[in-house]
C-alpha atoms as a PDB file:
ATOM      1  CA  MET A   1     -10.400 -13.309   5.842  1.00  0.00           C
ATOM      2  CA  ALA A   2     -10.213  -9.902   7.535  1.00  0.00           C
ATOM      3  CA  MET A   3      -6.474  -9.696   6.835  1.00  0.00           C
ATOM      4  CA  ARG A   4      -7.046 -10.522   3.148  1.00  0.00           C
ATOM      5  CA  THR A   5      -9.723  -7.832   2.934  1.00  0.00           C
ATOM      6  CA  ALA A   6      -7.401  -5.331   4.596  1.00  0.00           C
ATOM      7  CA  LEU A   7      -4.594  -6.195   2.183  1.00  0.00           C
ATOM      8  CA  VAL A   8      -6.841  -5.798  -0.842  1.00  0.00           C
ATOM      9  CA  ALA A   9      -7.953  -2.478   0.600  1.00  0.00           C
ATOM     10  CA  LEU A  10      -4.322  -1.425   1.064  1.00  0.00           C
ATOM     11  CA  ALA A  11      -3.553  -2.393  -2.520  1.00  0.00           C
ATOM     12  CA  THR A  12      -6.502  -0.329  -3.675  1.00  0.00           C
ATOM     13  CA  ILE A  13      -5.422   2.565  -1.477  1.00  0.00           C
ATOM     14  CA  ALA A  14      -1.940   2.331  -2.921  1.00  0.00           C
ATOM     15  CA  ALA A  15      -3.388   2.428  -6.397  1.00  0.00           C
ATOM     16  CA  LEU A  16      -5.471   5.461  -5.546  1.00  0.00           C
ATOM     17  CA  ALA A  17      -2.698   7.266  -3.719  1.00  0.00           C
ATOM     18  CA  GLY A  18      -2.019   9.630  -6.556  1.00  0.00           C
ATOM     19  CA  CYS A  19      -2.369  10.343 -10.207  1.00  0.00           C
ATOM     20  CA  GLY A  20       0.646  10.780 -12.406  1.00  0.00           C
ATOM     21  CA  ARG A  21       2.481  10.109 -15.617  1.00  0.00           C
ATOM     22  CA  ALA A  22       3.990   6.726 -16.451  1.00  0.00           C
ATOM     23  CA  ASP A  23       7.435   8.313 -17.054  1.00  0.00           C
ATOM     24  CA  GLN A  24       7.905   9.690 -13.537  1.00  0.00           C
ATOM     25  CA  GLN A  25      11.329   9.264 -11.939  1.00  0.00           C
ATOM     26  CA  SER A  26      10.276   9.854  -8.326  1.00  0.00           C
ATOM     27  CA  TYR A  27       7.104   9.787  -6.274  1.00  0.00           C
ATOM     28  CA  PRO A  28       5.412  13.171  -5.811  1.00  0.00           C
ATOM     29  CA  ALA A  29       4.767  14.141  -2.181  1.00  0.00           C
ATOM     30  CA  ASP A  30       1.003  13.881  -2.671  1.00  0.00           C
ATOM     31  CA  TYR A  31       1.302  10.139  -3.406  1.00  0.00           C
ATOM     32  CA  GLU A  32       2.670   9.507   0.076  1.00  0.00           C
ATOM     33  CA  PHE A  33       0.239  11.918   1.720  1.00  0.00           C
ATOM     34  CA  ASN A  34      -2.804  10.340   0.052  1.00  0.00           C
ATOM     35  CA  PHE A  35      -1.583   6.816   0.769  1.00  0.00           C
ATOM     36  CA  MET A  36      -0.917   7.569   4.432  1.00  0.00           C
ATOM     37  CA  GLN A  37      -4.271   9.314   4.927  1.00  0.00           C
ATOM     38  CA  ALA A  38      -6.219   6.367   3.530  1.00  0.00           C
ATOM     39  CA  CYS A  39      -4.030   3.624   4.995  1.00  0.00           C
ATOM     40  CA  GLU A  40      -4.020   4.934   8.551  1.00  0.00           C
ATOM     41  CA  GLN A  41      -7.807   4.672   8.676  1.00  0.00           C
ATOM     42  CA  GLN A  42      -7.527   0.889   8.206  1.00  0.00           C
ATOM     43  CA  ALA A  43      -4.167  -0.149   9.651  1.00  0.00           C
ATOM     44  CA  VAL A  44      -4.368  -2.474  12.654  1.00  0.00           C
ATOM     45  CA  VAL A  45      -0.644  -2.443  13.468  1.00  0.00           C
ATOM     46  CA  ALA A  46       1.225   0.747  14.362  1.00  0.00           C
ATOM     47  CA  GLY A  47       3.785   1.603  11.696  1.00  0.00           C
ATOM     48  CA  LEU A  48       2.184  -0.577   8.997  1.00  0.00           C
ATOM     49  CA  CYS A  49       1.482   2.308   6.641  1.00  0.00           C
ATOM     50  CA  GLU A  50       4.950   3.838   6.991  1.00  0.00           C
ATOM     51  CA  CYS A  51       6.605   0.472   6.414  1.00  0.00           C
ATOM     52  CA  THR A  52       4.388  -0.360   3.443  1.00  0.00           C
ATOM     53  CA  TRP A  53       4.924   3.020   1.797  1.00  0.00           C
ATOM     54  CA  ALA A  54       8.702   2.893   2.274  1.00  0.00           C
ATOM     55  CA  ARG A  55       8.834  -0.515   0.598  1.00  0.00           C
ATOM     56  CA  ILE A  56       6.517   0.575  -2.224  1.00  0.00           C
ATOM     57  CA  GLU A  57       8.850   3.511  -2.913  1.00  0.00           C
ATOM     58  CA  ALA A  58      11.896   1.232  -2.822  1.00  0.00           C
ATOM     59  CA  GLN A  59      10.477  -1.609  -4.909  1.00  0.00           C
ATOM     60  CA  ILE A  60       7.957  -0.155  -7.378  1.00  0.00           C
ATOM     61  CA  PRO A  61       9.023   2.459  -9.939  1.00  0.00           C
ATOM     62  CA  PRO A  62       6.803   5.563  -9.799  1.00  0.00           C
ATOM     63  CA  GLY A  63       5.875   5.237 -13.471  1.00  0.00           C
ATOM     64  CA  ASP A  64       4.687   1.662 -12.972  1.00  0.00           C
ATOM     65  CA  PHE A  65       2.671   2.741  -9.950  1.00  0.00           C
ATOM     66  CA  ALA A  66       1.087   5.622 -11.890  1.00  0.00           C
ATOM     67  CA  ALA A  67       0.164   3.322 -14.798  1.00  0.00           C
ATOM     68  CA  PHE A  68      -1.276   0.788 -12.341  1.00  0.00           C
ATOM     69  CA  GLU A  69      -3.360   3.521 -10.715  1.00  0.00           C
ATOM     70  CA  ARG A  70      -5.022   4.324 -14.026  1.00  0.00           C
ATOM     71  CA  LEU A  71      -6.235   0.749 -14.616  1.00  0.00           C
ATOM     72  CA  PRO A  72      -9.942  -0.024 -14.213  1.00  0.00           C
ATOM     73  CA  GLY A  73     -10.808  -1.839 -10.962  1.00  0.00           C
ATOM     74  CA  PRO A  74     -11.148  -5.367 -12.407  1.00  0.00           C
ATOM     75  CA  GLU A  75      -7.822  -5.092 -14.260  1.00  0.00           C
ATOM     76  CA  ARG A  76      -6.145  -3.646 -11.184  1.00  0.00           C
ATOM     77  CA  GLU A  77      -7.341  -6.565  -9.031  1.00  0.00           C
ATOM     78  CA  THR A  78      -5.616  -9.100 -11.300  1.00  0.00           C
ATOM     79  CA  HIS A  79      -2.513  -7.018 -12.046  1.00  0.00           C
ATOM     80  CA  PRO A  80       0.820  -8.328 -10.662  1.00  0.00           C
ATOM     81  CA  LEU A  81       1.390  -5.082  -8.729  1.00  0.00           C
ATOM     82  CA  THR A  82      -1.688  -5.823  -6.619  1.00  0.00           C
ATOM     83  CA  ARG A  83      -0.059  -9.044  -5.447  1.00  0.00           C
ATOM     84  CA  GLN A  84       3.286  -7.290  -4.934  1.00  0.00           C
ATOM     85  CA  ILE A  85       1.684  -4.583  -2.780  1.00  0.00           C
ATOM     86  CA  GLU A  86      -0.186  -7.244  -0.803  1.00  0.00           C
ATOM     87  CA  GLN A  87       3.102  -9.071  -0.196  1.00  0.00           C
ATOM     88  CA  ILE A  88       4.785  -5.836   0.877  1.00  0.00           C
ATOM     89  CA  SER A  89       1.997  -5.165   3.350  1.00  0.00           C
ATOM     90  CA  LEU A  90       2.080  -8.739   4.666  1.00  0.00           C
ATOM     91  CA  ALA A  91       5.845  -8.559   5.169  1.00  0.00           C
ATOM     92  CA  CYS A  92       5.507  -5.272   7.037  1.00  0.00           C
ATOM     93  CA  HIS A  93       2.675  -6.643   9.158  1.00  0.00           C
ATOM     94  CA  ALA A  94       4.698  -9.739  10.044  1.00  0.00           C
ATOM     95  CA  SER A  95       7.852  -7.814  10.914  1.00  0.00           C
ATOM     96  CA  LEU A  96       6.002  -5.209  12.975  1.00  0.00           C
ATOM     97  CA  SER A  97       3.895  -7.808  14.787  1.00  0.00           C
ATOM     98  CA  ALA A  98       6.992  -9.844  15.629  1.00  0.00           C
ATOM     99  CA  ALA A  99       8.850  -6.746  16.820  1.00  0.00           C
ATOM    100  CA  ASP A 100       6.112  -5.634  19.217  1.00  0.00           C
ATOM    101  CA  PRO A 101       2.993  -7.790  19.456  1.00  0.00           C
ATOM    102  CA  THR A 102       1.421  -5.348  21.947  1.00  0.00           C
ATOM    103  CA  GLU A 103       1.205  -2.592  19.330  1.00  0.00           C
ATOM    104  CA  GLN A 104      -1.878  -4.017  17.609  1.00  0.00           C
ATOM    105  CA  ARG A 105      -4.753  -1.578  17.372  1.00  0.00           C
ATOM    106  CA  PRO A 106      -8.398  -2.628  17.205  1.00  0.00           C
ATOM    107  CA  ALA A 107      -9.838  -2.705  13.706  1.00  0.00           C
ATOM    108  CA  PRO A 108     -12.124   0.256  12.947  1.00  0.00           C
END
């Protein structure tokens, strides 16, 4: 349950990471900065935020991310990008936990 809550929070953080236009070709620097600031307050595995952000940049076009960010909360929760971001975070968590299980940090 705590992991699910953390993943939903990460998806929300990702959605709130920046504001932008739907036609963007690359992520502005403030998207990453805002995402990292919010994510690092909740991450329980070292490197989770960096891994998640790198995969978001690689897999989700900036314009799609910007459009997703503008959705109202209830629509955002059911949007396919929420699930995709959750899966990205889960994959990062699994790979980082398997790589070094001693790197877990206590939840805030």
